[in-house]
């Protein structure tokens, strides 16, 4: 059993059990991820509105800190497209992209997001991420993919496009200027896209993005791309990031609050979701969501003191880390070492790097975000969830990326409340010749039982659905043409009951008694039985039964003893 020290510092366990063969696998995975991280870091920094070098800063200290504290052995952190877009969307409203104020706010944003994630992890509130449903995430990321594509058209096509807050305005701006596409820039973009796709088709282990970056940079230097009007990176600071304390005050916190919440929510859902998927696939480690939040938060906080933009778990790099055999978080340390080499010795070579190549890398990376397959799946399986996905998609497009995140959270919570306030209810009948009880509308062999209404309620009974419970039961009683003397509540799916639910049941007992109907309860769980007992609803023990079969037998035997009109017990062969 892990002690407190190793639980909160998992890297100690990693070192103690580390084997020589693990190093070989981690080395290959770390180097492979690192070669992808370098071009993506440069590209995503541009997407976030800061100079490309800050993307490399985000691939150094945050990776080292995460590797020391993470419970996931497969998740790869660093700059990611969606978080970069959220950062740009929020901070660009306050300061001009790439300005000193803008860069300072972005770094401060990373610090604040990290602090929030640490607090959530310490308080063990990681479960809150579950309230953002998959359809909402799919709708948001699909809209984000379109917004990211629009943001990259300027560099990919060589257009002089003004960036607006409205996605529709950016679409219109692109359509108005589509005739001004710069052909040399377009050529670089197309060649880069084709090269990366070809490399991926040949082998997923070929670092197509890095090779495209190198070839384009060398070509730009040799053939003077700049003289043809192709925009290049130009000056890139050399060396390691200078340690500094991020500046913030109450005013900064206030103006960044919405963006902090948006980046925090998406970062948690994205990172924990990827980590859970990898844990399920490999089953060679145990994921602790709260420890993950602590690791992700510490990585952001530590990174902010070394000029790193906000980081998160990357799906593409995590998949590569997993597929190339990464065994432990040592692979993340190796990726960070590769970034360190790039910062020390390679930054001056980025001067001639065409921005069109970075745009091409981003465009390919975000293609997987547009989840049309999920929409088709939901069309076949759950149109309510499809409506939720489309609503989030439209709201994100119309209102913007931050509003889209918040709208998605609100819609998810509203859906949870709606479903819990109106859960599935059904009147059950007995399947002829068996002890099974089913919905007669779905099973033709299920027959309603004389004198008894069997009512099943598939949710906890609480203040949000107590009135619905009573309403649905009375609807069944009012609509039946059978004589009813007993209501048998199948409580096997009621896992909890609050004071409002208990008051409702007590009122229901009184009301049914006045109509000559007895309420019986079957299959109540231990905690529910305890609360019913405390509330006085278990005073008559003979009205509480272990299961439906016993309940129906008892009721019918009781009827036989007190009535001259006997009924066939259970209408079955049960003796």
Protein backbone atom coordinates (compact mmCIF):
# COMPACT_ATOMS: atom_id res chain seq x y z
CA UNK A 1 0.00 0.00 0.00
CA UNK A 2 1.33 3.43 -0.93
CA UNK A 3 2.23 5.80 1.90
CA UNK A 4 1.27 9.46 1.82
CA UNK A 5 4.64 10.55 0.48
CA UNK A 6 4.66 8.31 -2.58
CA UNK A 7 0.97 8.90 -3.23
CA UNK A 8 1.56 12.62 -3.60
CA UNK A 9 4.97 12.21 -5.24
CA UNK A 10 4.50 9.18 -7.56
CA UNK A 11 7.88 9.65 -9.22
CA UNK A 12 9.47 8.03 -6.13
CA UNK A 13 7.66 4.78 -6.93
CA UNK A 14 8.69 5.11 -10.56
CA UNK A 15 12.39 5.38 -9.67
CA UNK A 16 12.28 2.53 -7.14
CA UNK A 17 10.78 0.08 -9.61
CA UNK A 18 12.48 1.39 -12.75
CA UNK A 19 14.11 -1.19 -15.00
CA UNK A 20 16.76 -0.90 -17.70
CA UNK A 21 14.36 -2.11 -20.40
CA UNK A 22 11.95 0.68 -19.40
CA UNK A 23 14.60 3.26 -20.29
CA UNK A 24 14.79 1.98 -23.87
CA UNK A 25 11.03 2.33 -24.32
CA UNK A 26 10.87 5.71 -22.57
CA UNK A 27 13.80 7.01 -24.60
CA UNK A 28 12.12 6.17 -27.91
CA UNK A 29 8.76 7.57 -26.79
CA UNK A 30 10.29 10.70 -25.28
CA UNK A 31 12.37 11.53 -28.35
CA UNK A 32 9.42 10.90 -30.67
CA UNK A 33 7.07 13.10 -28.64
CA UNK A 34 9.77 15.76 -28.36
CA UNK A 35 10.18 15.97 -32.13
CA UNK A 36 6.43 16.59 -32.39
CA UNK A 37 6.36 18.97 -29.44
CA UNK A 38 8.91 21.39 -30.92
CA UNK A 39 6.96 22.33 -34.07
CA UNK A 40 3.62 22.15 -32.26
CA UNK A 41 4.94 24.37 -29.47
CA UNK A 42 6.03 27.00 -31.97
CA UNK A 43 2.69 26.76 -33.80
CA UNK A 44 0.44 26.81 -30.73
CA UNK A 45 2.28 29.79 -29.27
CA UNK A 46 1.40 31.69 -32.44
CA UNK A 47 -2.19 30.51 -32.08
CA UNK A 48 -2.19 31.86 -28.51
CA UNK A 49 -1.01 35.25 -29.81
CA UNK A 50 2.50 35.19 -28.31
CA UNK A 51 5.93 34.86 -30.03
CA UNK A 52 6.68 31.22 -31.01
CA UNK A 53 9.51 30.84 -28.50
CA UNK A 54 7.00 30.83 -25.62
CA UNK A 55 5.65 27.56 -26.96
CA UNK A 56 9.06 25.97 -26.40
CA UNK A 57 9.18 27.45 -22.90
CA UNK A 58 5.89 25.59 -22.29
CA UNK A 59 7.60 22.34 -23.28
CA UNK A 60 10.34 22.59 -20.66
CA UNK A 61 9.62 23.27 -16.97
CA UNK A 62 5.92 22.19 -17.08
CA UNK A 63 6.89 18.77 -18.46
CA UNK A 64 9.50 18.25 -15.75
CA UNK A 65 7.12 19.20 -12.92
CA UNK A 66 4.28 17.11 -14.34
CA UNK A 67 6.55 14.07 -14.67
CA UNK A 68 7.38 14.27 -10.95
CA UNK A 69 3.81 14.51 -9.65
CA UNK A 70 1.58 12.75 -12.24
CA UNK A 71 -0.24 9.51 -11.59
CA UNK A 72 -0.70 8.88 -15.33
CA UNK A 73 2.32 7.32 -17.01
CA UNK A 74 1.08 8.00 -20.54
CA UNK A 75 -0.34 11.53 -20.63
CA UNK A 76 1.83 14.07 -22.48
CA UNK A 77 1.39 17.69 -21.44
CA UNK A 78 2.42 20.91 -23.11
CA UNK A 79 0.84 23.57 -25.32
CA UNK A 80 -2.39 22.44 -27.04
CA UNK A 81 -4.59 24.00 -29.69
CA UNK A 82 -7.86 24.44 -27.76
CA UNK A 83 -6.23 26.00 -24.70
CA UNK A 84 -4.19 28.29 -26.97
CA UNK A 85 -7.38 29.42 -28.69
CA UNK A 86 -9.08 30.05 -25.33
CA UNK A 87 -6.09 32.11 -24.22
CA UNK A 88 -6.14 34.20 -27.38
CA UNK A 89 -9.91 34.66 -27.24
CA UNK A 90 -9.82 35.96 -23.68
CA UNK A 91 -6.61 37.97 -23.47
CA UNK A 92 -6.83 39.59 -26.92
CA UNK A 93 -9.86 41.53 -25.65
CA UNK A 94 -7.63 43.20 -23.08
CA UNK A 95 -4.29 43.75 -24.82
CA UNK A 96 -2.75 43.62 -28.30
CA UNK A 97 -1.38 40.15 -29.18
CA UNK A 98 2.42 39.80 -28.85
CA UNK A 99 2.68 43.05 -26.86
CA UNK A 100 4.49 43.03 -23.51
CA UNK A 101 1.22 43.51 -21.64
CA UNK A 102 -0.38 40.67 -23.58
CA UNK A 103 2.49 38.25 -22.89
CA UNK A 104 2.46 39.19 -19.21
CA UNK A 105 -1.30 38.53 -18.99
CA UNK A 106 -0.96 35.16 -20.73
CA UNK A 107 1.72 34.02 -18.28
CA UNK A 108 -0.33 35.31 -15.33
CA UNK A 109 -3.32 33.45 -16.73
CA UNK A 110 -1.32 30.22 -16.60
CA UNK A 111 -0.45 30.91 -12.94
CA UNK A 112 -4.09 31.53 -11.99
CA UNK A 113 -5.37 28.46 -13.85
CA UNK A 114 -2.70 26.36 -12.13
CA UNK A 115 -3.70 27.67 -8.69
CA UNK A 116 -7.36 26.86 -9.35
CA UNK A 117 -6.50 23.35 -10.50
CA UNK A 118 -4.32 22.76 -7.43
CA UNK A 119 -7.18 23.86 -5.16
CA UNK A 120 -9.62 21.58 -7.00
CA UNK A 121 -7.18 18.68 -6.68
CA UNK A 122 -6.49 19.25 -2.97
CA UNK A 123 -10.21 19.56 -2.22
CA UNK A 124 -10.82 16.43 -4.30
CA UNK A 125 -13.38 18.18 -6.50
CA UNK A 126 -12.14 16.56 -9.70
CA UNK A 127 -15.50 14.83 -10.10
CA UNK A 128 -16.97 18.19 -11.16
CA UNK A 129 -15.42 17.67 -14.59
CA UNK A 130 -17.94 14.89 -15.15
CA UNK A 131 -20.70 17.48 -15.43
CA UNK A 132 -19.43 18.49 -18.86
CA UNK A 133 -21.06 15.82 -21.01
CA UNK A 134 -19.49 14.24 -24.08
CA UNK A 135 -22.00 15.80 -26.54
CA UNK A 136 -21.18 19.23 -25.12
CA UNK A 137 -17.43 18.61 -25.46
CA UNK A 138 -17.91 17.35 -29.03
CA UNK A 139 -19.99 20.40 -29.94
CA UNK A 140 -17.51 22.80 -28.39
CA UNK A 141 -14.39 21.24 -29.93
CA UNK A 142 -16.04 21.03 -33.36
CA UNK A 143 -16.82 24.74 -33.20
CA UNK A 144 -13.32 25.43 -31.87
CA UNK A 145 -11.87 23.62 -34.89
CA UNK A 146 -13.67 26.03 -37.24
CA UNK A 147 -12.58 29.05 -35.19
CA UNK A 148 -8.95 27.83 -35.21
CA UNK A 149 -9.03 27.26 -38.97
CA UNK A 150 -10.32 30.80 -39.51
CA UNK A 151 -7.59 32.19 -37.27
CA UNK A 152 -4.90 30.48 -39.39
CA UNK A 153 -6.12 31.57 -42.84
CA UNK A 154 -4.13 34.79 -42.59
CA UNK A 155 -0.80 32.96 -42.36
CA UNK A 156 -1.82 29.96 -44.47
CA UNK A 157 -3.04 32.01 -47.43
CA UNK A 158 -1.02 35.20 -47.03
CA UNK A 159 -4.15 37.32 -46.60
CA UNK A 160 -4.33 40.66 -44.82
CA UNK A 161 -7.24 39.75 -42.55
CA UNK A 162 -8.42 41.70 -39.56
CA UNK A 163 -9.35 39.47 -36.62
CA UNK A 164 -12.77 40.10 -35.07
CA UNK A 165 -14.32 38.71 -31.90
CA UNK A 166 -17.23 37.36 -33.94
CA UNK A 167 -16.64 34.10 -35.81
CA UNK A 168 -19.25 35.09 -38.40
CA UNK A 169 -17.45 38.40 -38.97
CA UNK A 170 -14.18 36.52 -39.52
CA UNK A 171 -15.92 34.23 -42.02
CA UNK A 172 -17.28 37.24 -43.89
CA UNK A 173 -13.86 38.93 -43.82
CA UNK A 174 -12.28 35.84 -45.37
CA UNK A 175 -14.92 35.62 -48.12
CA UNK A 176 -14.46 39.31 -48.99
CA UNK A 177 -10.69 38.90 -49.35
CA UNK A 178 -10.55 35.44 -50.90
CA UNK A 179 -9.46 36.92 -54.21
CA UNK A 180 -6.29 38.31 -52.63
CA UNK A 181 -4.73 34.94 -51.77
CA UNK A 182 -0.93 35.14 -51.97
CA UNK A 183 0.08 32.27 -54.27
CA UNK A 184 3.68 31.77 -52.98
CA UNK A 185 2.37 31.52 -49.40
CA UNK A 186 -0.43 29.18 -50.49
CA UNK A 187 2.16 27.02 -52.24
CA UNK A 188 4.24 26.69 -49.05
CA UNK A 189 1.10 25.75 -47.10
CA UNK A 190 -0.04 23.12 -49.60
CA UNK A 191 3.42 21.56 -49.93
CA UNK A 192 3.78 21.45 -46.12
CA UNK A 193 0.35 19.82 -45.71
CA UNK A 194 1.10 17.26 -48.42
CA UNK A 195 4.52 16.45 -46.96
CA UNK A 196 3.20 15.91 -43.43
CA UNK A 197 0.31 13.77 -44.66
CA UNK A 198 2.62 11.68 -46.85
CA UNK A 199 5.05 11.13 -43.98
CA UNK A 200 2.18 10.05 -41.73
CA UNK A 201 0.90 7.66 -44.39
CA UNK A 202 4.33 6.06 -44.80
CA UNK A 203 4.81 5.64 -41.04
CA UNK A 204 3.33 7.20 -37.93
CA UNK A 205 6.85 7.19 -36.43
CA UNK A 206 8.17 9.67 -39.00
CA UNK A 207 8.16 13.20 -37.47
CA UNK A 208 6.56 14.77 -40.54
CA UNK A 209 5.84 18.12 -38.88
CA UNK A 210 9.44 18.51 -37.68
CA UNK A 211 10.88 17.51 -41.07
CA UNK A 212 8.54 19.93 -42.84
CA UNK A 213 9.67 22.67 -40.47
CA UNK A 214 13.36 21.93 -41.11
CA UNK A 215 13.03 21.64 -44.90
CA UNK A 216 10.92 24.80 -45.13
CA UNK A 217 13.38 26.77 -42.99
CA UNK A 218 16.38 25.65 -45.05
CA UNK A 219 14.52 26.37 -48.29
CA UNK A 220 13.49 29.78 -47.00
CA UNK A 221 17.12 30.62 -46.25
CA UNK A 222 18.48 29.30 -49.55
CA UNK A 223 15.81 30.76 -51.83
CA UNK A 224 14.98 33.91 -49.88
CA UNK A 225 11.27 33.25 -49.32
CA UNK A 226 10.94 36.68 -47.72
CA UNK A 227 11.72 38.37 -51.06
CA UNK A 228 8.64 36.66 -52.54
CA UNK A 229 6.40 38.13 -49.86
CA UNK A 230 6.26 34.98 -47.72
CA UNK A 231 6.07 35.95 -44.06
CA UNK A 232 8.75 34.42 -41.80
CA UNK A 233 9.27 34.24 -38.02
CA UNK A 234 12.38 36.48 -37.89
CA UNK A 235 14.01 37.12 -34.51
CA UNK A 236 13.69 34.33 -31.92
CA UNK A 237 15.37 34.76 -28.52
CA UNK A 238 18.12 32.26 -27.85
CA UNK A 239 18.75 30.43 -24.59
CA UNK A 240 16.64 29.41 -21.64
CA UNK A 241 13.71 31.41 -20.27
CA UNK A 242 14.63 33.95 -17.62
CA UNK A 243 13.02 33.14 -14.25
CA UNK A 244 10.57 35.85 -13.21
CA UNK A 245 7.61 36.30 -10.90
CA UNK A 246 4.32 36.72 -12.80
CA UNK A 247 2.67 40.01 -11.95
CA UNK A 248 -0.95 40.08 -10.89
CA UNK A 249 -3.28 42.07 -8.68
CA UNK A 250 -6.99 42.07 -7.92
CA UNK A 251 -7.76 43.98 -11.10
CA UNK A 252 -5.86 41.44 -13.21
CA UNK A 253 -7.64 38.56 -11.50
CA UNK A 254 -10.98 40.25 -12.12
CA UNK A 255 -10.45 40.83 -15.85
CA UNK A 256 -9.10 37.31 -16.37
CA UNK A 257 -11.73 35.45 -14.32
CA UNK A 258 -13.88 34.28 -17.24
CA UNK A 259 -10.88 33.10 -19.24
CA UNK A 260 -9.39 31.36 -16.19
CA UNK A 261 -12.61 29.43 -15.68
CA UNK A 262 -12.85 28.51 -19.36
CA UNK A 263 -9.22 27.31 -19.61
CA UNK A 264 -9.54 25.45 -16.29
CA UNK A 265 -12.72 23.60 -17.26
CA UNK A 266 -11.56 22.56 -20.71
CA UNK A 267 -8.09 21.69 -19.43
CA UNK A 268 -9.53 19.39 -16.75
CA UNK A 269 -11.97 17.66 -19.08
CA UNK A 270 -9.40 17.28 -21.85
CA UNK A 271 -6.53 16.05 -19.68
CA UNK A 272 -8.46 13.74 -17.35
CA UNK A 273 -10.45 12.34 -20.28
CA UNK A 274 -7.27 11.46 -22.21
CA UNK A 275 -5.60 10.04 -19.08
CA UNK A 276 -8.62 7.84 -18.31
CA UNK A 277 -8.71 6.52 -21.87
CA UNK A 278 -5.02 5.58 -21.73
CA UNK A 279 -5.41 3.97 -18.30
CA UNK A 280 -8.28 1.86 -19.63
CA UNK A 281 -6.26 0.85 -22.70
CA UNK A 282 -3.04 -0.20 -20.95
CA UNK A 283 -4.17 -1.15 -17.43
CA UNK A 284 -0.57 -0.85 -16.19
CA UNK A 285 -1.14 2.04 -13.80
CA UNK A 286 -3.84 3.47 -11.54
CA UNK A 287 -5.06 6.96 -12.36
CA UNK A 288 -5.85 9.31 -9.48
CA UNK A 289 -7.85 12.24 -10.98
CA UNK A 290 -7.22 14.50 -8.02
CA UNK A 291 -3.48 13.79 -8.10
CA UNK A 292 -3.56 14.51 -11.85
CA UNK A 293 -5.17 17.89 -11.19
CA UNK A 294 -2.48 18.63 -8.62
CA UNK A 295 0.24 17.68 -11.14
CA UNK A 296 -1.34 19.72 -13.95
CA UNK A 297 -1.78 22.71 -11.64
CA UNK A 298 1.79 22.56 -10.33
CA UNK A 299 3.06 22.30 -13.92
CA UNK A 300 1.23 25.52 -14.85
CA UNK A 301 2.28 27.37 -11.71
CA UNK A 302 5.93 26.31 -12.08
CA UNK A 303 5.87 27.05 -15.80
CA UNK A 304 4.53 30.56 -15.23
CA UNK A 305 7.75 31.44 -13.35
CA UNK A 306 9.66 30.46 -16.50
CA UNK A 307 7.51 32.32 -19.05
CA UNK A 308 5.49 29.29 -20.18
CA UNK A 309 2.05 29.67 -21.71
CA UNK A 310 -0.74 27.54 -20.15
CA UNK A 311 -0.30 23.82 -20.77
CA UNK A 312 -2.66 20.86 -20.86
CA UNK A 313 -2.83 17.21 -21.86
CA UNK A 314 -2.38 16.66 -25.59
CA UNK A 315 -4.37 13.91 -27.28
CA UNK A 316 -2.07 13.57 -30.29
CA UNK A 317 1.19 13.56 -28.33
CA UNK A 318 -0.26 11.28 -25.63
CA UNK A 319 -1.33 8.82 -28.32
CA UNK A 320 2.18 8.93 -29.80
CA UNK A 321 3.72 8.43 -26.36
CA UNK A 322 1.47 5.45 -25.80
CA UNK A 323 1.95 3.90 -29.24
CA UNK A 324 5.74 4.19 -29.18
CA UNK A 325 5.94 2.27 -25.92
CA UNK A 326 6.33 4.95 -23.25
CA UNK A 327 6.32 3.15 -19.90
CA UNK A 328 6.70 5.92 -17.30
CA UNK A 329 6.81 9.70 -16.92
CA UNK A 330 10.54 9.46 -17.62
CA UNK A 331 9.49 9.79 -21.28
CA UNK A 332 8.21 13.31 -20.48
CA UNK A 333 11.58 14.19 -18.94
CA UNK A 334 13.32 13.04 -22.12
CA UNK A 335 10.95 15.16 -24.26
CA UNK A 336 11.79 18.14 -22.05
CA UNK A 337 15.52 17.50 -22.54
CA UNK A 338 15.03 17.59 -26.32
CA UNK A 339 13.24 20.94 -25.99
CA UNK A 340 16.13 22.12 -23.82
CA UNK A 341 18.58 21.28 -26.62
CA UNK A 342 16.41 23.19 -29.10
CA UNK A 343 16.33 26.26 -26.84
CA UNK A 344 20.09 26.24 -26.31
CA UNK A 345 21.30 25.55 -29.83
CA UNK A 346 18.54 25.78 -32.45
CA UNK A 347 16.52 28.95 -31.86
CA UNK A 348 18.62 31.10 -34.20
CA UNK A 349 17.76 28.74 -37.07
CA UNK A 350 14.06 29.60 -36.67
CA UNK A 351 14.62 33.09 -38.11
CA UNK A 352 13.75 31.96 -41.66
CA UNK A 353 10.88 29.65 -40.67
CA UNK A 354 7.80 30.49 -42.82
CA UNK A 355 4.66 31.17 -40.76
CA UNK A 356 2.71 29.20 -43.38
CA UNK A 357 4.37 26.00 -42.13
CA UNK A 358 3.19 26.65 -38.57
CA UNK A 359 -0.29 27.32 -39.93
CA UNK A 360 -0.20 24.02 -41.82
CA UNK A 361 0.81 22.14 -38.65
CA UNK A 362 -2.10 23.71 -36.75
CA UNK A 363 -4.61 23.03 -39.55
CA UNK A 364 -3.75 19.34 -39.60
CA UNK A 365 -3.77 19.09 -35.81
CA UNK A 366 -7.29 20.52 -35.45
CA UNK A 367 -8.90 18.35 -38.13
CA UNK A 368 -9.52 15.65 -35.52
CA UNK A 369 -11.35 18.18 -33.33
CA UNK A 370 -14.23 18.43 -35.80
CA UNK A 371 -16.24 15.45 -34.56
CA UNK A 372 -18.84 14.91 -37.29
CA UNK A 373 -18.82 11.16 -36.57
CA UNK A 374 -20.22 11.85 -33.11
CA UNK A 375 -23.07 13.84 -34.67
CA UNK A 376 -23.91 10.94 -37.00
CA UNK A 377 -23.75 8.50 -34.10
CA UNK A 378 -26.06 10.62 -31.95
CA UNK A 379 -28.49 11.00 -34.86
CA UNK A 380 -28.95 7.24 -34.77
CA UNK A 381 -28.84 6.69 -31.01
CA UNK A 382 -29.88 9.78 -29.03
CA UNK A 383 -31.39 12.83 -30.70
CA UNK A 384 -31.65 14.66 -27.38
CA UNK A 385 -27.87 14.50 -26.98
CA UNK A 386 -27.50 15.49 -30.64
CA UNK A 387 -29.56 18.61 -29.94
CA UNK A 388 -27.27 19.36 -26.99
CA UNK A 389 -24.18 18.95 -29.19
CA UNK A 390 -25.59 21.19 -31.92
CA UNK A 391 -26.71 23.82 -29.40
CA UNK A 392 -23.19 24.01 -27.94
CA UNK A 393 -21.71 24.16 -31.44
CA UNK A 394 -23.98 27.02 -32.54
CA UNK A 395 -23.56 28.97 -29.29
CA UNK A 396 -19.78 28.71 -29.53
CA UNK A 397 -19.82 29.92 -33.15
CA UNK A 398 -22.22 32.79 -32.40
CA UNK A 399 -21.07 33.90 -28.94
CA UNK A 400 -17.37 33.04 -29.00
CA UNK A 401 -15.09 30.46 -27.47
CA UNK A 402 -15.38 31.49 -23.80
CA UNK A 403 -19.14 31.90 -23.94
CA UNK A 404 -19.28 28.54 -25.68
CA UNK A 405 -17.49 26.83 -22.79
CA UNK A 406 -19.74 28.46 -20.20
CA UNK A 407 -22.84 27.70 -22.26
CA UNK A 408 -21.74 24.08 -22.51
CA UNK A 409 -21.32 23.85 -18.73
CA UNK A 410 -24.73 25.45 -18.20
CA UNK A 411 -26.39 23.14 -20.74
CA UNK A 412 -24.77 20.07 -19.16
CA UNK A 413 -25.97 21.02 -15.68
CA UNK A 414 -29.45 21.84 -17.02
CA UNK A 415 -29.59 18.46 -18.73
CA UNK A 416 -28.59 16.68 -15.51
CA UNK A 417 -31.26 18.58 -13.59
CA UNK A 418 -33.88 17.94 -16.25
CA UNK A 419 -33.18 14.21 -16.41
CA UNK A 420 -33.17 13.87 -12.64
CA UNK A 421 -36.37 15.89 -12.30
CA UNK A 422 -38.20 13.72 -14.83
CA UNK A 423 -36.69 10.23 -14.63
CA UNK A 424 -38.06 7.08 -16.22
CA UNK A 425 -41.21 5.74 -14.52
CA UNK A 426 -43.21 2.68 -15.49
CA UNK A 427 -46.10 0.50 -14.36
CA UNK A 428 -44.90 -3.11 -14.29
CA UNK A 429 -46.62 -6.36 -15.10
CA UNK A 430 -45.52 -9.92 -14.47
CA UNK A 431 -44.10 -12.02 -17.30
CA UNK A 432 -46.39 -15.06 -17.49
CA UNK A 433 -44.93 -18.17 -15.91
CA UNK A 434 -41.90 -16.36 -14.41
CA UNK A 435 -40.90 -14.23 -11.45
CA UNK A 436 -39.89 -11.33 -13.73
CA UNK A 437 -41.71 -8.01 -13.85
CA UNK A 438 -41.52 -5.90 -17.03
CA UNK A 439 -43.18 -3.01 -18.84
CA UNK A 440 -46.30 -4.45 -20.59
CA UNK A 441 -45.90 -1.86 -23.36
CA UNK A 442 -42.53 -3.36 -24.27
CA UNK A 443 -43.13 -7.02 -23.35
CA UNK A 444 -46.41 -8.46 -24.58
CA UNK A 445 -46.11 -11.42 -22.18
CA UNK A 446 -46.08 -9.09 -19.15
CA UNK A 447 -49.57 -8.86 -17.60
CA UNK A 448 -50.86 -6.35 -15.06
CA UNK A 449 -51.93 -7.95 -11.77
CA UNK A 450 -55.46 -7.63 -10.41
CA UNK A 451 -55.94 -5.07 -7.62
CA UNK A 452 -52.24 -4.04 -7.71
CA UNK A 453 -50.39 -1.19 -9.41
CA UNK A 454 -46.63 -1.87 -9.44
CA UNK A 455 -44.87 1.48 -9.85
CA UNK A 456 -41.12 1.70 -10.56
CA UNK A 457 -39.18 4.97 -10.22
CA UNK A 458 -35.66 4.99 -11.72
CA UNK A 459 -33.84 7.69 -9.77
CA UNK A 460 -33.12 9.01 -6.31
CA UNK A 461 -36.21 10.59 -4.77
CA UNK A 462 -35.45 14.20 -3.84
CA UNK A 463 -36.88 17.71 -3.87
CA UNK A 464 -36.34 18.08 -7.61
CA UNK A 465 -38.57 15.16 -8.61
CA UNK A 466 -40.86 14.46 -5.64
CA UNK A 467 -43.77 16.27 -7.27
CA UNK A 468 -43.12 14.43 -10.55
CA UNK A 469 -43.19 11.09 -8.67
CA UNK A 470 -46.61 11.83 -7.21
CA UNK A 471 -47.95 13.22 -10.49
CA UNK A 472 -46.91 10.16 -12.52
CA UNK A 473 -48.31 7.71 -9.98
CA UNK A 474 -51.68 9.47 -9.94
CA UNK A 475 -51.71 9.60 -13.73
CA UNK A 476 -51.39 5.80 -13.80
CA UNK A 477 -54.14 5.39 -11.19
CA UNK A 478 -56.45 7.82 -12.98
CA UNK A 479 -55.96 6.25 -16.40
CA UNK A 480 -56.54 2.62 -15.37
CA UNK A 481 -60.00 1.04 -15.60
CA UNK A 482 -59.00 -1.67 -13.10
CA UNK A 483 -59.99 -1.69 -9.44
CA UNK A 484 -56.85 -0.84 -7.45
CA UNK A 485 -56.46 -1.62 -3.76
CA UNK A 486 -52.67 -1.66 -3.52
CA UNK A 487 -49.84 0.49 -4.85
CA UNK A 488 -46.57 -1.46 -4.78
CA UNK A 489 -43.54 0.83 -5.11
CA UNK A 490 -40.52 -0.91 -6.67
CA UNK A 491 -37.78 1.03 -4.84
CA UNK A 492 -34.90 -1.08 -6.13
CA UNK A 493 -33.70 1.81 -8.37
CA UNK A 494 -34.13 4.52 -5.71
CA UNK A 495 -30.60 4.88 -4.29
CA UNK A 496 -31.33 7.86 -2.04
CA UNK A 497 -34.19 9.85 -0.59
CA UNK A 498 -34.16 13.31 0.99
CA UNK A 499 -36.53 14.98 3.47
CA UNK A 500 -38.75 16.35 0.68
CA UNK A 501 -39.13 12.87 -0.75
CA UNK A 502 -40.01 11.44 2.67
CA UNK A 503 -42.61 14.15 3.31
CA UNK A 504 -44.14 13.42 -0.08
CA UNK A 505 -44.35 9.69 0.68
CA UNK A 506 -45.98 10.36 4.05
CA UNK A 507 -48.56 12.62 2.39
CA UNK A 508 -49.05 9.99 -0.31
CA UNK A 509 -49.74 7.27 2.28
CA UNK A 510 -52.38 9.46 3.93
CA UNK A 511 -54.02 10.35 0.61
CA UNK A 512 -54.05 6.75 -0.65
CA UNK A 513 -55.49 5.52 2.67
CA UNK A 514 -58.38 7.94 2.24
CA UNK A 515 -59.10 6.24 -1.08
CA UNK A 516 -58.85 2.74 0.35
CA UNK A 517 -55.47 2.01 -1.22
CA UNK A 518 -52.46 0.62 0.67
CA UNK A 519 -48.88 1.63 -0.21
CA UNK A 520 -46.32 -1.20 -0.10
CA UNK A 521 -42.60 -0.85 -0.77
CA UNK A 522 -40.30 -3.45 -2.33
CA UNK A 523 -36.53 -3.70 -2.75
CA UNK A 524 -35.48 -0.60 -0.80
CA UNK A 525 -31.73 -0.41 -0.21
CA UNK A 526 -30.24 -0.27 3.29
CA UNK A 527 -29.69 3.52 3.42
CA UNK A 528 -33.18 4.18 2.01
CA UNK A 529 -34.75 1.75 4.51
CA UNK A 530 -32.95 3.51 7.35
CA UNK A 531 -34.36 6.89 6.33
CA UNK A 532 -37.84 5.47 5.86
CA UNK A 533 -37.62 3.94 9.33
CA UNK A 534 -36.52 7.22 10.95
CA UNK A 535 -39.35 9.07 9.17
CA UNK A 536 -41.96 6.62 10.47
CA UNK A 537 -42.69 5.01 7.11
CA UNK A 538 -41.50 1.58 8.26
CA UNK A 539 -43.80 1.25 11.24
CA UNK A 540 -45.86 -1.40 9.45
CA UNK A 541 -43.21 -3.98 8.65
CA UNK A 542 -45.62 -6.14 6.62
CA UNK A 543 -45.83 -3.36 4.01
CA UNK A 544 -42.10 -3.62 3.22
CA UNK A 545 -40.82 -6.50 1.12
CA UNK A 546 -37.49 -7.88 -0.10
CA UNK A 547 -38.54 -8.16 -3.73
CA UNK A 548 -41.57 -7.88 -5.98
CA UNK A 549 -42.32 -11.61 -5.99
CA UNK A 550 -42.54 -11.75 -2.19
CA UNK A 551 -44.58 -8.55 -2.15
CA UNK A 552 -47.18 -9.78 -4.65
CA UNK A 553 -47.43 -13.17 -2.91
CA UNK A 554 -48.01 -11.51 0.46
CA UNK A 555 -50.65 -9.13 -0.93
CA UNK A 556 -52.54 -11.87 -2.72
CA UNK A 557 -52.44 -14.25 0.25
CA UNK A 558 -53.71 -11.41 2.43
CA UNK A 559 -56.54 -10.84 -0.03
CA UNK A 560 -57.45 -14.52 0.08
CA UNK A 561 -57.73 -14.38 3.84
CA UNK A 562 -59.92 -11.27 3.91
CA UNK A 563 -62.06 -11.66 0.82
CA UNK A 564 -64.55 -14.17 -0.42
CA UNK A 565 -63.45 -13.39 -3.98
CA UNK A 566 -60.18 -15.28 -4.33
CA UNK A 567 -57.66 -14.43 -7.01
CA UNK A 568 -55.18 -16.70 -8.67
CA UNK A 569 -51.89 -16.08 -6.78
CA UNK A 570 -49.39 -14.29 -9.00
CA UNK A 571 -51.26 -15.49 -12.08
CA UNK A 572 -48.31 -17.89 -12.38
CA UNK A 573 -47.22 -21.36 -11.43
CA UNK A 574 -45.52 -20.02 -8.28
CA UNK A 575 -46.61 -21.98 -5.17
